[in-house]
């Protein structure tokens, strides 16, 4: 479903869980987001299908 709708792509800026950052890597099971303070947030891919986020 993610491949068809493409709600996120590499280098997109997203706001989720009171944090914001840039999509750094998308795999078949998780997404790595580089946060504004250089930390990395690893989020399950299903999060972007089931929960709202701002892109």
N, C-alpha and C. Protein backbone atom coordinates (compact mmCIF):
# COMPACT_ATOMS: atom_id res chain seq x y z
N UNK A 1 0.83 -1.19 0.00
CA UNK A 1 0.00 0.00 0.00
C UNK A 1 0.88 1.26 0.00
N UNK A 2 1.97 1.21 0.71
CA UNK A 2 2.85 2.37 0.77
C UNK A 2 3.44 2.68 -0.60
N UNK A 3 3.77 1.65 -1.37
CA UNK A 3 4.35 1.86 -2.69
C UNK A 3 3.36 2.50 -3.65
N UNK A 4 2.09 2.18 -3.50
CA UNK A 4 1.07 2.71 -4.40
C UNK A 4 0.73 4.17 -4.07
N UNK A 5 0.53 4.48 -2.80
CA UNK A 5 0.10 5.82 -2.43
C UNK A 5 1.25 6.80 -2.24
N UNK A 6 2.42 6.33 -1.87
CA UNK A 6 3.62 7.12 -1.64
C UNK A 6 3.37 8.32 -0.72
N UNK A 7 2.92 8.07 0.51
CA UNK A 7 2.71 9.19 1.43
C UNK A 7 4.02 9.81 1.91
N UNK A 8 5.11 9.05 1.85
CA UNK A 8 6.42 9.58 2.23
C UNK A 8 7.46 9.17 1.21
N UNK A 9 8.47 10.01 1.07
CA UNK A 9 9.61 9.72 0.20
C UNK A 9 10.88 10.15 0.91
N UNK A 10 12.02 9.73 0.41
CA UNK A 10 13.29 10.14 0.99
C UNK A 10 13.40 11.66 0.96
N UNK A 11 13.97 12.22 1.98
CA UNK A 11 14.20 13.66 2.15
C UNK A 11 12.94 14.47 2.42
N UNK A 12 11.80 13.83 2.61
CA UNK A 12 10.60 14.55 3.05
C UNK A 12 10.75 14.94 4.51
N UNK A 13 10.22 16.08 4.88
CA UNK A 13 10.19 16.50 6.28
C UNK A 13 8.83 16.09 6.84
N UNK A 14 8.85 15.38 7.98
CA UNK A 14 7.61 14.91 8.61
C UNK A 14 7.56 15.36 10.06
N UNK A 15 6.34 15.54 10.55
CA UNK A 15 6.09 15.87 11.95
C UNK A 15 5.29 14.72 12.53
N UNK A 16 5.82 14.04 13.57
CA UNK A 16 5.11 12.97 14.23
C UNK A 16 5.63 12.80 15.65
N UNK A 17 4.75 12.36 16.54
CA UNK A 17 5.12 12.13 17.94
C UNK A 17 5.82 13.35 18.57
N UNK A 18 5.34 14.54 18.27
CA UNK A 18 5.90 15.79 18.79
C UNK A 18 7.36 16.01 18.41
N UNK A 19 7.78 15.44 17.32
CA UNK A 19 9.14 15.60 16.80
C UNK A 19 9.04 15.89 15.31
N UNK A 20 10.07 16.45 14.74
CA UNK A 20 10.11 16.59 13.29
C UNK A 20 11.51 16.27 12.79
N UNK A 21 11.54 15.76 11.57
CA UNK A 21 12.81 15.39 10.97
C UNK A 21 12.65 15.02 9.51
N UNK A 22 13.74 14.55 8.94
CA UNK A 22 13.79 14.21 7.52
C UNK A 22 13.84 12.70 7.35
N UNK A 23 13.06 12.20 6.40
CA UNK A 23 13.09 10.77 6.09
C UNK A 23 14.46 10.44 5.50
N UNK A 24 15.16 9.54 6.17
CA UNK A 24 16.52 9.21 5.75
C UNK A 24 16.60 7.86 5.05
N UNK A 25 15.77 6.90 5.49
CA UNK A 25 15.81 5.55 4.93
C UNK A 25 14.43 4.92 5.04
N UNK A 26 14.01 4.22 3.99
CA UNK A 26 12.74 3.49 4.00
C UNK A 26 13.05 2.04 3.64
N UNK A 27 12.70 1.11 4.53
CA UNK A 27 12.88 -0.30 4.25
C UNK A 27 11.50 -0.96 4.22
N UNK A 28 11.48 -2.27 4.09
CA UNK A 28 10.20 -2.97 4.04
C UNK A 28 9.52 -3.07 5.40
N UNK A 29 10.26 -2.83 6.48
CA UNK A 29 9.67 -2.96 7.81
C UNK A 29 9.75 -1.70 8.66
N UNK A 30 10.65 -0.78 8.38
CA UNK A 30 10.78 0.42 9.20
C UNK A 30 11.25 1.62 8.39
N UNK A 31 11.12 2.80 9.02
CA UNK A 31 11.55 4.06 8.42
C UNK A 31 12.49 4.74 9.41
N UNK A 32 13.61 5.25 8.92
CA UNK A 32 14.55 5.98 9.77
C UNK A 32 14.37 7.47 9.49
N UNK A 33 14.14 8.23 10.58
CA UNK A 33 13.94 9.66 10.48
C UNK A 33 15.09 10.35 11.21
N UNK A 34 15.79 11.25 10.52
CA UNK A 34 16.84 12.04 11.15
C UNK A 34 16.18 13.27 11.75
N UNK A 35 16.18 13.36 13.07
CA UNK A 35 15.51 14.44 13.77
C UNK A 35 16.31 15.73 13.69
N UNK A 36 15.69 16.82 14.06
CA UNK A 36 16.30 18.15 13.96
C UNK A 36 17.57 18.27 14.78
N UNK A 37 17.70 17.46 15.86
CA UNK A 37 18.89 17.54 16.71
C UNK A 37 19.87 16.39 16.42
N UNK A 38 19.80 15.84 15.22
CA UNK A 38 20.71 14.81 14.69
C UNK A 38 20.51 13.43 15.29
N UNK A 39 19.49 13.24 16.11
CA UNK A 39 19.16 11.89 16.58
C UNK A 39 18.45 11.15 15.47
N UNK A 40 18.35 9.84 15.61
CA UNK A 40 17.63 9.02 14.64
C UNK A 40 16.42 8.39 15.33
N UNK A 41 15.28 8.45 14.68
CA UNK A 41 14.07 7.79 15.18
C UNK A 41 13.72 6.68 14.20
N UNK A 42 13.59 5.47 14.71
CA UNK A 42 13.23 4.33 13.88
C UNK A 42 11.76 4.03 14.16
N UNK A 43 10.94 4.10 13.13
CA UNK A 43 9.50 3.94 13.26
C UNK A 43 9.06 2.78 12.37
N UNK A 44 8.19 1.90 12.88
CA UNK A 44 7.68 0.83 12.02
C UNK A 44 6.93 1.42 10.81
N UNK A 45 7.06 0.80 9.69
CA UNK A 45 6.44 1.28 8.46
C UNK A 45 4.92 1.35 8.59
N UNK A 46 4.34 0.46 9.34
CA UNK A 46 2.89 0.43 9.51
C UNK A 46 2.38 1.71 10.17
N UNK A 47 3.22 2.41 10.91
CA UNK A 47 2.83 3.67 11.56
C UNK A 47 2.31 4.66 10.52
N UNK A 48 2.98 4.75 9.38
CA UNK A 48 2.60 5.73 8.36
C UNK A 48 1.32 5.34 7.62
N UNK A 49 0.90 4.11 7.78
CA UNK A 49 -0.34 3.66 7.15
C UNK A 49 -1.52 3.83 8.11
N UNK A 50 -1.28 3.57 9.40
CA UNK A 50 -2.38 3.54 10.37
C UNK A 50 -2.61 4.86 11.10
N UNK A 51 -1.58 5.68 11.31
CA UNK A 51 -1.72 6.88 12.13
C UNK A 51 -1.50 8.14 11.29
N UNK A 52 -2.13 9.23 11.71
CA UNK A 52 -1.92 10.48 10.97
C UNK A 52 -0.55 11.09 11.26
N UNK A 53 -0.01 11.75 10.26
CA UNK A 53 1.24 12.48 10.41
C UNK A 53 1.20 13.64 9.45
N UNK A 54 2.05 14.62 9.69
CA UNK A 54 2.10 15.79 8.82
C UNK A 54 3.35 15.73 7.99
N UNK A 55 3.18 15.93 6.68
CA UNK A 55 4.29 15.84 5.74
C UNK A 55 4.55 17.22 5.17
